[in-house]
Amino acid sequence: MGLLERTRKEWFILGIVLVIAVAKLEPAIGVKGGPLKPEITITYIAVSAIFFNSGLSLKTEELTSALMHVKLHLFVQIFTLVFFPTAIWLFLQALSVTPINEWLLKGLQTVGCMPPPVSSAVILTKAVGGNEAAAIFNSAFGSFLGIVITPLLLLLFLGSSSSVPFTSIFSQLFMTVVVPLIIGQIVRRRIKDWLERKKPPFGAISSCVLLMIIYTTFCDTFSNPNIDLDKFSLIIIVFIIFFVQLSFMLLTFLFSTRNNSGFTPADTVAIIFCSTHKSLTLGIPMLKIVFAGYEHLSLISVPLLIYHPAQILLGSVLVPTIKSWMVSRQKALKLTRQPKVPVKV
């Protein structure tokens, strides 16, 4: 089974590389107005499918219990929307004296301001066997917080005079995240026995949808004739993104596994992915709204476009390692909690 899981992850990583390559070679297919119609299929159908899938596969009692884990939710949201953007801002002060393209550096700051994703963190948490219910709650809750907080953070760190239509974004998120999740739970109640008997490949379905989201986003970016990237800056930004992700994953791991932290190994898995992943499906439309009319909008968007597949790529590579740690940690905790049998003399 371990070999099968590794093979599945390798295929998913290969899929990411292929969709990026194809998107660069043939961008017209996945751009707005193209044959795939991503303005409809991605914005509404793809994201809705992921959360309907989660609602269908997740036990209702697990989702209900996750709502009560306030400490976990506070940790994830504070790390994502307060610590992350502040740390990136301090880091960029040092990088500002380097020859790296300034608009790509500004794009790194926008990455820091983004809320948790509505898909990748949930999928990877599920792949490891972590607290999927907590991941779903924080993805949805973080996205709703991001509607208000992310534009404010962007204005604080980068500045813009654009007004953000909170109502329309909020209603779109409600219809593509909350409603499909509720419908999935309702359908699950009706066909619960069939689901437990057949065990449909929920993880594979979500992974395929996620690949489609990545593909169409890259198509939209590389179809822009005004984008001007120098190779040095782009390569450095890629290395910085992987460094930031690894550093923050390690940081969240250390914090959530401290003595008396109150988090289980399954909670730690959800924390690692939800705290360090950033939303592309909400981020790109948000950037287009806040920086409407900016000449360098495409360059500002590039770090987020790199960060999203990078977080999935890195997360997929680390799934077997994190899963192995979680299983061994859970076994160790069970052994320590077992009552000791008194030895008769």
C-alpha atoms as a PDB file:
ATOM      1  CA  MET A   1       0.000   0.000   0.000  1.00  0.00           C
ATOM      2  CA  GLY A   2       2.913   2.349   0.784  1.00  0.00           C
ATOM      3  CA  LEU A   3       4.329   1.812  -2.706  1.00  0.00           C
ATOM      4  CA  LEU A   4       0.924   2.513  -4.235  1.00  0.00           C
ATOM      5  CA  GLU A   5       0.632   5.799  -2.303  1.00  0.00           C
ATOM      6  CA  ARG A   6       4.108   6.888  -3.418  1.00  0.00           C
ATOM      7  CA  THR A   7       3.299   6.059  -7.026  1.00  0.00           C
ATOM      8  CA  ARG A   8       0.093   8.073  -6.812  1.00  0.00           C
ATOM      9  CA  LYS A   9       1.973  11.094  -5.450  1.00  0.00           C
ATOM     10  CA  GLU A  10       4.650  10.778  -8.154  1.00  0.00           C
ATOM     11  CA  TRP A  11       1.943  10.769 -10.827  1.00  0.00           C
ATOM     12  CA  PHE A  12       0.379  13.864  -9.277  1.00  0.00           C
ATOM     13  CA  ILE A  13       3.736  15.692  -9.267  1.00  0.00           C
ATOM     14  CA  LEU A  14       4.294  14.671 -12.908  1.00  0.00           C
ATOM     15  CA  GLY A  15       0.810  15.981 -13.672  1.00  0.00           C
ATOM     16  CA  ILE A  16       1.706  19.401 -12.219  1.00  0.00           C
ATOM     17  CA  VAL A  17       4.849  19.593 -14.368  1.00  0.00           C
ATOM     18  CA  LEU A  18       2.907  18.591 -17.492  1.00  0.00           C
ATOM     19  CA  VAL A  19       0.058  21.070 -17.020  1.00  0.00           C
ATOM     20  CA  ILE A  20       2.554  23.917 -16.466  1.00  0.00           C
ATOM     21  CA  ALA A  21       4.498  22.914 -19.584  1.00  0.00           C
ATOM     22  CA  VAL A  22       1.356  22.631 -21.715  1.00  0.00           C
ATOM     23  CA  ALA A  23       0.033  25.924 -20.350  1.00  0.00           C
ATOM     24  CA  LYS A  24       3.218  27.671 -21.480  1.00  0.00           C
ATOM     25  CA  LEU A  25       3.129  26.067 -24.937  1.00  0.00           C
ATOM     26  CA  GLU A  26      -0.600  26.377 -25.673  1.00  0.00           C
ATOM     27  CA  PRO A  27      -2.089  29.082 -23.418  1.00  0.00           C
ATOM     28  CA  ALA A  28      -5.121  29.949 -25.550  1.00  0.00           C
ATOM     29  CA  ILE A  29      -7.060  26.859 -24.461  1.00  0.00           C
ATOM     30  CA  GLY A  30      -7.289  27.787 -20.791  1.00  0.00           C
ATOM     31  CA  VAL A  31      -7.567  31.586 -20.933  1.00  0.00           C
ATOM     32  CA  LYS A  32     -10.724  33.530 -20.329  1.00  0.00           C
ATOM     33  CA  GLY A  33     -13.033  33.021 -23.278  1.00  0.00           C
ATOM     34  CA  GLY A  34     -11.043  29.987 -24.476  1.00  0.00           C
ATOM     35  CA  PRO A  35     -12.541  26.537 -25.175  1.00  0.00           C
ATOM     36  CA  LEU A  36     -12.347  25.517 -21.486  1.00  0.00           C
ATOM     37  CA  LYS A  37     -14.186  28.677 -20.330  1.00  0.00           C
ATOM     38  CA  PRO A  38     -12.240  28.898 -17.007  1.00  0.00           C
ATOM     39  CA  GLU A  39     -14.248  31.975 -15.952  1.00  0.00           C
ATOM     40  CA  ILE A  40     -17.113  29.483 -15.425  1.00  0.00           C
ATOM     41  CA  THR A  41     -15.558  26.018 -15.152  1.00  0.00           C
ATOM     42  CA  ILE A  42     -12.839  27.061 -12.658  1.00  0.00           C
ATOM     43  CA  THR A  43     -14.371  29.995 -10.794  1.00  0.00           C
ATOM     44  CA  TYR A  44     -17.581  28.137 -10.062  1.00  0.00           C
ATOM     45  CA  ILE A  45     -17.618  24.474 -11.080  1.00  0.00           C
ATOM     46  CA  ALA A  46     -14.077  23.325 -10.115  1.00  0.00           C
ATOM     47  CA  VAL A  47     -13.979  24.874  -6.638  1.00  0.00           C
ATOM     48  CA  SER A  48     -17.558  23.767  -5.972  1.00  0.00           C
ATOM     49  CA  ALA A  49     -16.654  20.215  -7.034  1.00  0.00           C
ATOM     50  CA  ILE A  50     -13.774  20.088  -4.537  1.00  0.00           C
ATOM     51  CA  PHE A  51     -15.973  21.104  -1.613  1.00  0.00           C
ATOM     52  CA  PHE A  52     -18.904  18.929  -2.696  1.00  0.00           C
ATOM     53  CA  ASN A  53     -16.395  16.079  -2.811  1.00  0.00           C
ATOM     54  CA  SER A  54     -15.173  16.955   0.693  1.00  0.00           C
ATOM     55  CA  GLY A  55     -18.727  17.176   2.020  1.00  0.00           C
ATOM     56  CA  LEU A  56     -19.530  13.795   0.489  1.00  0.00           C
ATOM     57  CA  SER A  57     -16.456  12.047   1.933  1.00  0.00           C
ATOM     58  CA  LEU A  58     -16.298  13.638   5.408  1.00  0.00           C
ATOM     59  CA  LYS A  59     -18.223  12.233   8.370  1.00  0.00           C
ATOM     60  CA  THR A  60     -20.655  14.801   9.796  1.00  0.00           C
ATOM     61  CA  GLU A  61     -19.566  14.184  13.398  1.00  0.00           C
ATOM     62  CA  GLU A  62     -15.928  14.922  12.447  1.00  0.00           C
ATOM     63  CA  LEU A  63     -16.908  18.234  10.868  1.00  0.00           C
ATOM     64  CA  THR A  64     -19.032  19.191  13.890  1.00  0.00           C
ATOM     65  CA  SER A  65     -16.258  18.408  16.373  1.00  0.00           C
ATOM     66  CA  ALA A  66     -13.770  20.440  14.308  1.00  0.00           C
ATOM     67  CA  LEU A  67     -15.880  23.575  14.756  1.00  0.00           C
ATOM     68  CA  MET A  68     -15.178  23.451  18.502  1.00  0.00           C
ATOM     69  CA  HIS A  69     -11.380  23.344  18.138  1.00  0.00           C
ATOM     70  CA  VAL A  70     -11.012  27.112  18.632  1.00  0.00           C
ATOM     71  CA  LYS A  71      -7.331  27.010  19.618  1.00  0.00           C
ATOM     72  CA  LEU A  72      -6.378  25.336  16.341  1.00  0.00           C
ATOM     73  CA  HIS A  73      -8.407  27.807  14.295  1.00  0.00           C
ATOM     74  CA  LEU A  74      -6.837  30.799  16.061  1.00  0.00           C
ATOM     75  CA  PHE A  75      -3.346  29.402  15.493  1.00  0.00           C
ATOM     76  CA  VAL A  76      -3.910  28.883  11.760  1.00  0.00           C
ATOM     77  CA  GLN A  77      -5.610  32.224  11.086  1.00  0.00           C
ATOM     78  CA  ILE A  78      -3.161  34.325  13.132  1.00  0.00           C
ATOM     79  CA  PHE A  79      -0.168  32.610  11.554  1.00  0.00           C
ATOM     80  CA  THR A  80      -1.606  32.976   8.026  1.00  0.00           C
ATOM     81  CA  LEU A  81      -2.992  36.514   8.163  1.00  0.00           C
ATOM     82  CA  VAL A  82      -0.717  38.186  10.738  1.00  0.00           C
ATOM     83  CA  PHE A  83       2.638  36.435  11.185  1.00  0.00           C
ATOM     84  CA  PHE A  84       3.111  35.361   7.547  1.00  0.00           C
ATOM     85  CA  PRO A  85       2.692  38.787   5.868  1.00  0.00           C
ATOM     86  CA  THR A  86       4.693  40.544   8.611  1.00  0.00           C
ATOM     87  CA  ALA A  87       7.585  38.078   8.343  1.00  0.00           C
ATOM     88  CA  ILE A  88       7.613  38.397   4.534  1.00  0.00           C
ATOM     89  CA  TRP A  89       7.677  42.207   4.823  1.00  0.00           C
ATOM     90  CA  LEU A  90      10.709  42.081   7.141  1.00  0.00           C
ATOM     91  CA  PHE A  91      12.425  39.594   4.817  1.00  0.00           C
ATOM     92  CA  LEU A  92      11.781  41.816   1.787  1.00  0.00           C
ATOM     93  CA  GLN A  93      13.421  44.797   3.498  1.00  0.00           C
ATOM     94  CA  ALA A  94      16.702  42.885   3.247  1.00  0.00           C
ATOM     95  CA  LEU A  95      16.018  41.791  -0.342  1.00  0.00           C
ATOM     96  CA  SER A  96      15.181  45.341  -1.501  1.00  0.00           C
ATOM     97  CA  VAL A  97      18.911  46.144  -1.911  1.00  0.00           C
ATOM     98  CA  THR A  98      19.417  43.199  -4.299  1.00  0.00           C
ATOM     99  CA  PRO A  99      19.025  43.377  -8.120  1.00  0.00           C
ATOM    100  CA  ILE A 100      15.884  41.189  -7.989  1.00  0.00           C
ATOM    101  CA  ASN A 101      12.989  42.668  -9.975  1.00  0.00           C
ATOM    102  CA  GLU A 102      11.096  44.956  -7.568  1.00  0.00           C
ATOM    103  CA  TRP A 103       7.682  43.945  -8.937  1.00  0.00           C
ATOM    104  CA  LEU A 104       8.403  40.278  -8.291  1.00  0.00           C
ATOM    105  CA  LEU A 105       9.360  41.239  -4.725  1.00  0.00           C
ATOM    106  CA  LYS A 106       6.060  43.085  -4.404  1.00  0.00           C
ATOM    107  CA  GLY A 107       4.426  39.917  -5.692  1.00  0.00           C
ATOM    108  CA  LEU A 108       6.039  37.981  -2.821  1.00  0.00           C
ATOM    109  CA  GLN A 109       4.404  40.404  -0.417  1.00  0.00           C
ATOM    110  CA  THR A 110       1.015  39.762  -2.020  1.00  0.00           C
ATOM    111  CA  VAL A 111       1.582  36.022  -1.470  1.00  0.00           C
ATOM    112  CA  GLY A 112       2.062  36.702   2.236  1.00  0.00           C
ATOM    113  CA  CYS A 113      -1.217  38.618   2.386  1.00  0.00           C
ATOM    114  CA  MET A 114      -3.324  35.826   0.876  1.00  0.00           C
ATOM    115  CA  PRO A 115      -5.732  33.657   2.953  1.00  0.00           C
ATOM    116  CA  PRO A 116      -5.544  29.850   3.220  1.00  0.00           C
ATOM    117  CA  PRO A 117      -6.468  27.967   0.020  1.00  0.00           C
ATOM    118  CA  VAL A 118      -9.882  26.430  -0.603  1.00  0.00           C
ATOM    119  CA  SER A 119      -8.464  23.205  -2.028  1.00  0.00           C
ATOM    120  CA  SER A 120      -4.806  22.139  -1.760  1.00  0.00           C
ATOM    121  CA  ALA A 121      -4.506  22.173   2.055  1.00  0.00           C
ATOM    122  CA  VAL A 122      -7.635  20.026   2.370  1.00  0.00           C
ATOM    123  CA  ILE A 123      -6.468  17.542  -0.269  1.00  0.00           C
ATOM    124  CA  LEU A 124      -2.971  17.114   1.224  1.00  0.00           C
ATOM    125  CA  THR A 125      -4.307  16.855   4.790  1.00  0.00           C
ATOM    126  CA  LYS A 126      -6.667  14.123   3.581  1.00  0.00           C
ATOM    127  CA  ALA A 127      -3.800  12.351   1.753  1.00  0.00           C
ATOM    128  CA  VAL A 128      -1.767  12.200   4.969  1.00  0.00           C
ATOM    129  CA  GLY A 129      -4.762  11.158   7.086  1.00  0.00           C
ATOM    130  CA  GLY A 130      -4.695  14.305   9.240  1.00  0.00           C
ATOM    131  CA  ASN A 131      -7.571  16.317  10.664  1.00  0.00           C
ATOM    132  CA  GLU A 132      -9.435  16.897   7.395  1.00  0.00           C
ATOM    133  CA  ALA A 133     -12.426  18.480   9.131  1.00  0.00           C
ATOM    134  CA  ALA A 134     -10.190  21.141  10.710  1.00  0.00           C
ATOM    135  CA  ALA A 135      -8.530  21.750   7.337  1.00  0.00           C
ATOM    136  CA  ILE A 136     -11.926  22.240   5.663  1.00  0.00           C
ATOM    137  CA  PHE A 137     -13.127  24.631   8.361  1.00  0.00           C
ATOM    138  CA  ASN A 138      -9.955  26.742   8.262  1.00  0.00           C
ATOM    139  CA  SER A 139      -9.910  26.810   4.472  1.00  0.00           C
ATOM    140  CA  ALA A 140     -13.493  28.036   4.322  1.00  0.00           C
ATOM    141  CA  PHE A 141     -13.272  30.358   7.345  1.00  0.00           C
ATOM    142  CA  GLY A 142      -9.899  31.746   6.218  1.00  0.00           C
ATOM    143  CA  SER A 143     -11.292  32.470   2.763  1.00  0.00           C
ATOM    144  CA  PHE A 144     -14.170  34.467   4.236  1.00  0.00           C
ATOM    145  CA  LEU A 145     -11.764  36.362   6.518  1.00  0.00           C
ATOM    146  CA  GLY A 146      -9.560  36.990   3.498  1.00  0.00           C
ATOM    147  CA  ILE A 147     -12.356  38.831   1.716  1.00  0.00           C
ATOM    148  CA  VAL A 148     -11.966  41.647   4.254  1.00  0.00           C
ATOM    149  CA  ILE A 149      -8.439  41.213   5.657  1.00  0.00           C
ATOM    150  CA  THR A 150      -6.462  40.461   2.456  1.00  0.00           C
ATOM    151  CA  PRO A 151      -7.398  43.715   0.639  1.00  0.00           C
ATOM    152  CA  LEU A 152      -6.581  45.649   3.842  1.00  0.00           C
ATOM    153  CA  LEU A 153      -3.183  43.922   4.069  1.00  0.00           C
ATOM    154  CA  LEU A 154      -2.495  44.651   0.390  1.00  0.00           C
ATOM    155  CA  LEU A 155      -3.375  48.303   0.915  1.00  0.00           C
ATOM    156  CA  LEU A 156      -1.196  48.435   4.049  1.00  0.00           C
ATOM    157  CA  PHE A 157       1.919  46.888   2.499  1.00  0.00           C
ATOM    158  CA  LEU A 158       1.610  47.949  -1.149  1.00  0.00           C
ATOM    159  CA  GLY A 159      -1.080  50.604  -1.428  1.00  0.00           C
ATOM    160  CA  SER A 160      -3.912  50.947  -3.940  1.00  0.00           C
ATOM    161  CA  SER A 161      -6.866  53.259  -4.417  1.00  0.00           C
ATOM    162  CA  SER A 162      -9.221  50.603  -5.772  1.00  0.00           C
ATOM    163  CA  SER A 163     -12.423  49.757  -3.960  1.00  0.00           C
ATOM    164  CA  VAL A 164     -13.058  46.060  -3.356  1.00  0.00           C
ATOM    165  CA  PRO A 165     -16.589  44.648  -3.941  1.00  0.00           C
ATOM    166  CA  PHE A 166     -16.781  42.635  -0.705  1.00  0.00           C
ATOM    167  CA  THR A 167     -20.419  41.646  -1.215  1.00  0.00           C
ATOM    168  CA  SER A 168     -19.920  40.016  -4.612  1.00  0.00           C
ATOM    169  CA  ILE A 169     -16.771  38.127  -3.491  1.00  0.00           C
ATOM    170  CA  PHE A 170     -18.491  36.995  -0.283  1.00  0.00           C
ATOM    171  CA  SER A 171     -21.535  35.714  -2.164  1.00  0.00           C
ATOM    172  CA  GLN A 172     -19.320  33.906  -4.695  1.00  0.00           C
ATOM    173  CA  LEU A 173     -17.392  32.173  -1.897  1.00  0.00           C
ATOM    174  CA  PHE A 174     -20.611  31.233  -0.132  1.00  0.00           C
ATOM    175  CA  MET A 175     -22.006  29.658  -3.287  1.00  0.00           C
ATOM    176  CA  THR A 176     -18.789  27.809  -4.257  1.00  0.00           C
ATOM    177  CA  VAL A 177     -17.569  26.727  -0.778  1.00  0.00           C
ATOM    178  CA  VAL A 178     -20.350  26.580   1.824  1.00  0.00           C
ATOM    179  CA  VAL A 179     -23.301  25.496  -0.330  1.00  0.00           C
ATOM    180  CA  PRO A 180     -21.475  22.573  -2.073  1.00  0.00           C
ATOM    181  CA  LEU A 181     -20.130  21.404   1.315  1.00  0.00           C
ATOM    182  CA  ILE A 182     -23.665  21.363   2.808  1.00  0.00           C
ATOM    183  CA  ILE A 183     -25.102  19.609  -0.261  1.00  0.00           C
ATOM    184  CA  GLY A 184     -22.311  17.023  -0.046  1.00  0.00           C
ATOM    185  CA  GLN A 185     -23.190  16.341   3.596  1.00  0.00           C
ATOM    186  CA  ILE A 186     -26.905  15.987   2.734  1.00  0.00           C
ATOM    187  CA  VAL A 187     -26.160  13.569  -0.126  1.00  0.00           C
ATOM    188  CA  ARG A 188     -23.805  11.613   2.146  1.00  0.00           C
ATOM    189  CA  ARG A 189     -26.647  10.993   4.624  1.00  0.00           C
ATOM    190  CA  ARG A 190     -28.745   9.520   1.799  1.00  0.00           C
ATOM    191  CA  ILE A 191     -26.086   7.197   0.355  1.00  0.00           C
ATOM    192  CA  LYS A 192     -23.876   6.622   3.420  1.00  0.00           C
ATOM    193  CA  ASP A 193     -24.028   2.821   3.199  1.00  0.00           C
ATOM    194  CA  TRP A 194     -23.172   2.808  -0.504  1.00  0.00           C
ATOM    195  CA  LEU A 195     -20.181   5.147   0.062  1.00  0.00           C
ATOM    196  CA  GLU A 196     -18.783   2.963   2.849  1.00  0.00           C
ATOM    197  CA  ARG A 197     -19.233  -0.140   0.732  1.00  0.00           C
ATOM    198  CA  LYS A 198     -17.823   1.169  -2.575  1.00  0.00           C
ATOM    199  CA  LYS A 199     -15.272   3.697  -1.186  1.00  0.00           C
ATOM    200  CA  PRO A 200     -15.098   6.028  -4.237  1.00  0.00           C
ATOM    201  CA  PRO A 201     -11.661   7.608  -5.053  1.00  0.00           C
ATOM    202  CA  PHE A 202     -12.392  11.028  -3.509  1.00  0.00           C
ATOM    203  CA  GLY A 203      -8.704  11.950  -3.285  1.00  0.00           C
ATOM    204  CA  ALA A 204      -8.042  11.250  -6.973  1.00  0.00           C
ATOM    205  CA  ILE A 205     -11.088  13.311  -8.011  1.00  0.00           C
ATOM    206  CA  SER A 206      -9.936  16.334  -5.984  1.00  0.00           C
ATOM    207  CA  SER A 207      -6.390  16.013  -7.369  1.00  0.00           C
ATOM    208  CA  CYS A 208      -7.641  16.045 -10.980  1.00  0.00           C
ATOM    209  CA  VAL A 209      -9.753  19.146 -10.343  1.00  0.00           C
ATOM    210  CA  LEU A 210      -6.765  20.876  -8.723  1.00  0.00           C
ATOM    211  CA  LEU A 211      -4.578  20.144 -11.756  1.00  0.00           C
ATOM    212  CA  MET A 212      -7.218  21.786 -13.935  1.00  0.00           C
ATOM    213  CA  ILE A 213      -7.161  24.918 -11.758  1.00  0.00           C
ATOM    214  CA  ILE A 214      -3.357  25.160 -12.031  1.00  0.00           C
ATOM    215  CA  TYR A 215      -3.439  24.650 -15.794  1.00  0.00           C
ATOM    216  CA  THR A 216      -5.978  27.379 -16.557  1.00  0.00           C
ATOM    217  CA  THR A 217      -4.258  29.867 -14.220  1.00  0.00           C
ATOM    218  CA  PHE A 218      -0.913  29.398 -15.961  1.00  0.00           C
ATOM    219  CA  CYS A 219      -2.629  29.724 -19.335  1.00  0.00           C
ATOM    220  CA  ASP A 220      -4.070  33.063 -18.285  1.00  0.00           C
ATOM    221  CA  THR A 221      -0.676  34.353 -17.144  1.00  0.00           C
ATOM    222  CA  PHE A 222       1.496  33.265 -20.064  1.00  0.00           C
ATOM    223  CA  SER A 223      -1.048  34.502 -22.603  1.00  0.00           C
ATOM    224  CA  ASN A 224      -0.306  38.077 -21.468  1.00  0.00           C
ATOM    225  CA  PRO A 225       1.955  39.695 -24.123  1.00  0.00           C
ATOM    226  CA  ASN A 226       3.111  42.424 -21.699  1.00  0.00           C
ATOM    227  CA  ILE A 227       4.762  40.097 -19.175  1.00  0.00           C
ATOM    228  CA  ASP A 228       8.537  40.681 -19.084  1.00  0.00           C
ATOM    229  CA  LEU A 229      10.550  38.363 -16.833  1.00  0.00           C
ATOM    230  CA  ASP A 230      14.318  38.276 -16.474  1.00  0.00           C
ATOM    231  CA  LYS A 231      15.612  34.764 -15.808  1.00  0.00           C
ATOM    232  CA  PHE A 232      17.835  35.723 -12.861  1.00  0.00           C
ATOM    233  CA  SER A 233      14.991  37.267 -10.870  1.00  0.00           C
ATOM    234  CA  LEU A 234      12.612  34.423 -11.722  1.00  0.00           C
ATOM    235  CA  ILE A 235      15.071  31.700 -10.624  1.00  0.00           C
ATOM    236  CA  ILE A 236      15.852  33.530  -7.364  1.00  0.00           C
ATOM    237  CA  ILE A 237      12.134  33.992  -6.643  1.00  0.00           C
ATOM    238  CA  VAL A 238      11.526  30.247  -7.140  1.00  0.00           C
ATOM    239  CA  PHE A 239      14.297  29.415  -4.642  1.00  0.00           C
ATOM    240  CA  ILE A 240      12.955  31.989  -2.166  1.00  0.00           C
ATOM    241  CA  ILE A 241       9.436  30.533  -2.413  1.00  0.00           C
ATOM    242  CA  PHE A 242      10.649  27.002  -1.642  1.00  0.00           C
ATOM    243  CA  PHE A 243      12.812  28.348   1.200  1.00  0.00           C
ATOM    244  CA  VAL A 244       9.863  30.259   2.696  1.00  0.00           C
ATOM    245  CA  GLN A 245       7.552  27.247   2.453  1.00  0.00           C
ATOM    246  CA  LEU A 246      10.019  24.828   4.036  1.00  0.00           C
ATOM    247  CA  SER A 247      10.924  27.307   6.791  1.00  0.00           C
ATOM    248  CA  PHE A 248       7.304  28.033   7.695  1.00  0.00           C
ATOM    249  CA  MET A 249       6.314  24.352   7.556  1.00  0.00           C
ATOM    250  CA  LEU A 250       9.136  23.576   9.988  1.00  0.00           C
ATOM    251  CA  LEU A 251       8.124  26.514  12.191  1.00  0.00           C
ATOM    252  CA  THR A 252       4.473  25.449  12.392  1.00  0.00           C
ATOM    253  CA  PHE A 253       5.578  21.865  13.072  1.00  0.00           C
ATOM    254  CA  LEU A 254       7.799  22.952  15.981  1.00  0.00           C
ATOM    255  CA  PHE A 255       5.112  25.196  17.490  1.00  0.00           C
ATOM    256  CA  SER A 256       2.281  22.658  17.171  1.00  0.00           C
ATOM    257  CA  THR A 257       4.296  19.754  18.619  1.00  0.00           C
ATOM    258  CA  ARG A 258       5.532  21.556  21.728  1.00  0.00           C
ATOM    259  CA  ASN A 259       4.773  20.046  25.121  1.00  0.00           C
ATOM    260  CA  ASN A 260       1.327  21.131  26.350  1.00  0.00           C
ATOM    261  CA  SER A 261       0.428  22.539  22.913  1.00  0.00           C
ATOM    262  CA  GLY A 262      -2.884  20.674  23.077  1.00  0.00           C
ATOM    263  CA  PHE A 263      -2.664  19.540  19.437  1.00  0.00           C
ATOM    264  CA  THR A 264      -2.862  15.924  18.289  1.00  0.00           C
ATOM    265  CA  PRO A 265      -0.601  14.621  15.470  1.00  0.00           C
ATOM    266  CA  ALA A 266      -3.607  14.826  13.105  1.00  0.00           C
ATOM    267  CA  ASP A 267      -4.100  18.478  14.157  1.00  0.00           C
ATOM    268  CA  THR A 268      -0.441  19.202  13.423  1.00  0.00           C
ATOM    269  CA  VAL A 269      -0.857  17.925   9.856  1.00  0.00           C
ATOM    270  CA  ALA A 270      -3.789  20.291   9.253  1.00  0.00           C
ATOM    271  CA  ILE A 271      -1.844  23.171  10.832  1.00  0.00           C
ATOM    272  CA  ILE A 272       1.241  22.597   8.666  1.00  0.00           C
ATOM    273  CA  PHE A 273      -0.710  22.712   5.399  1.00  0.00           C
ATOM    274  CA  CYS A 274      -3.377  25.306   6.265  1.00  0.00           C
ATOM    275  CA  SER A 275      -0.924  27.781   7.838  1.00  0.00           C
ATOM    276  CA  THR A 276       1.629  27.748   5.031  1.00  0.00           C
ATOM    277  CA  HIS A 277      -0.528  27.347   1.910  1.00  0.00           C
ATOM    278  CA  LYS A 278      -1.950  30.355   0.104  1.00  0.00           C
ATOM    279  CA  SER A 279      -5.078  30.664  -2.009  1.00  0.00           C
ATOM    280  CA  LEU A 280      -4.693  31.018  -5.764  1.00  0.00           C
ATOM    281  CA  THR A 281      -8.389  30.795  -6.669  1.00  0.00           C
ATOM    282  CA  LEU A 282      -9.185  33.746  -4.384  1.00  0.00           C
ATOM    283  CA  GLY A 283      -5.801  35.455  -4.743  1.00  0.00           C
ATOM    284  CA  ILE A 284      -5.708  36.067  -8.489  1.00  0.00           C
ATOM    285  CA  PRO A 285      -9.205  37.642  -8.684  1.00  0.00           C
ATOM    286  CA  MET A 286      -8.348  39.706  -5.583  1.00  0.00           C
ATOM    287  CA  LEU A 287      -5.144  41.024  -7.179  1.00  0.00           C
ATOM    288  CA  LYS A 288      -7.020  41.904 -10.366  1.00  0.00           C
ATOM    289  CA  ILE A 289      -9.539  43.873  -8.315  1.00  0.00           C
ATOM    290  CA  VAL A 290      -7.144  45.673  -5.949  1.00  0.00           C
ATOM    291  CA  PHE A 291      -4.499  46.437  -8.593  1.00  0.00           C
ATOM    292  CA  ALA A 292      -6.844  47.091 -11.496  1.00  0.00           C
ATOM    293  CA  GLY A 293      -5.061  49.230 -14.088  1.00  0.00           C
ATOM    294  CA  TYR A 294      -1.564  48.554 -12.689  1.00  0.00           C
ATOM    295  CA  GLU A 295       0.972  48.273 -15.518  1.00  0.00           C
ATOM    296  CA  HIS A 296       2.923  45.560 -13.660  1.00  0.00           C
ATOM    297  CA  LEU A 297      -0.046  43.464 -12.494  1.00  0.00           C
ATOM    298  CA  SER A 298       1.207  40.399 -14.415  1.00  0.00           C
ATOM    299  CA  LEU A 299       4.615  40.567 -12.701  1.00  0.00           C
ATOM    300  CA  ILE A 300       2.996  41.030  -9.289  1.00  0.00           C
ATOM    301  CA  SER A 301       0.909  37.895  -9.944  1.00  0.00           C
ATOM    302  CA  VAL A 302       3.870  35.668 -10.898  1.00  0.00           C
ATOM    303  CA  PRO A 303       5.069  34.762  -7.342  1.00  0.00           C
ATOM    304  CA  LEU A 304       1.551  33.618  -6.397  1.00  0.00           C
ATOM    305  CA  LEU A 305       1.336  31.565  -9.600  1.00  0.00           C
ATOM    306  CA  ILE A 306       4.648  29.914  -8.676  1.00  0.00           C
ATOM    307  CA  TYR A 307       3.769  29.528  -4.990  1.00  0.00           C
ATOM    308  CA  HIS A 308       0.577  27.566  -5.630  1.00  0.00           C
ATOM    309  CA  PRO A 309       2.005  24.662  -7.690  1.00  0.00           C
ATOM    310  CA  ALA A 310       5.154  24.779  -5.517  1.00  0.00           C
ATOM    311  CA  GLN A 311       3.109  24.242  -2.339  1.00  0.00           C
ATOM    312  CA  ILE A 312       1.325  21.277  -3.939  1.00  0.00           C
ATOM    313  CA  LEU A 313       4.589  19.877  -5.313  1.00  0.00           C
ATOM    314  CA  LEU A 314       6.410  20.210  -1.993  1.00  0.00           C
ATOM    315  CA  GLY A 315       3.415  18.959  -0.017  1.00  0.00           C
ATOM    316  CA  SER A 316       3.029  15.918  -2.269  1.00  0.00           C
ATOM    317  CA  VAL A 317       6.710  15.033  -1.874  1.00  0.00           C
ATOM    318  CA  LEU A 318       6.446  15.314   1.910  1.00  0.00           C
ATOM    319  CA  VAL A 319       3.167  13.351   2.255  1.00  0.00           C
ATOM    320  CA  PRO A 320       4.828   9.937   2.893  1.00  0.00           C
ATOM    321  CA  THR A 321       7.266  11.446   5.433  1.00  0.00           C
ATOM    322  CA  ILE A 322       4.586  13.386   7.326  1.00  0.00           C
ATOM    323  CA  LYS A 323       2.242  10.382   7.243  1.00  0.00           C
ATOM    324  CA  SER A 324       4.968   8.128   8.647  1.00  0.00           C
ATOM    325  CA  TRP A 325       5.669  10.633  11.441  1.00  0.00           C
ATOM    326  CA  MET A 326       1.959  10.995  12.285  1.00  0.00           C
ATOM    327  CA  VAL A 327       1.353   7.232  12.462  1.00  0.00           C
ATOM    328  CA  SER A 328       4.418   6.599  14.645  1.00  0.00           C
ATOM    329  CA  ARG A 329       3.529   9.550  16.886  1.00  0.00           C
ATOM    330  CA  GLN A 330      -0.052   8.311  17.315  1.00  0.00           C
ATOM    331  CA  LYS A 331       1.197   4.832  18.235  1.00  0.00           C
ATOM    332  CA  ALA A 332       3.617   6.317  20.787  1.00  0.00           C
ATOM    333  CA  LEU A 333       0.829   8.366  22.367  1.00  0.00           C
ATOM    334  CA  LYS A 334      -1.430   5.296  22.622  1.00  0.00           C
ATOM    335  CA  LEU A 335       1.315   3.371  24.403  1.00  0.00           C
ATOM    336  CA  THR A 336       1.905   6.160  26.934  1.00  0.00           C
ATOM    337  CA  ARG A 337      -1.831   6.388  27.685  1.00  0.00           C
ATOM    338  CA  GLN A 338      -2.283   2.665  28.330  1.00  0.00           C
ATOM    339  CA  PRO A 339      -2.689   1.911  32.057  1.00  0.00           C
ATOM    340  CA  LYS A 340       0.301   0.210  33.597  1.00  0.00           C
ATOM    341  CA  VAL A 341      -0.353  -3.294  34.942  1.00  0.00           C
ATOM    342  CA  PRO A 342       1.047  -3.676  38.464  1.00  0.00           C
ATOM    343  CA  VAL A 343       3.721  -6.328  38.746  1.00  0.00           C
ATOM    344  CA  LYS A 344       3.111  -8.923  41.443  1.00  0.00           C
ATOM    345  CA  VAL A 345       6.109  -9.751  43.623  1.00  0.00           C
END
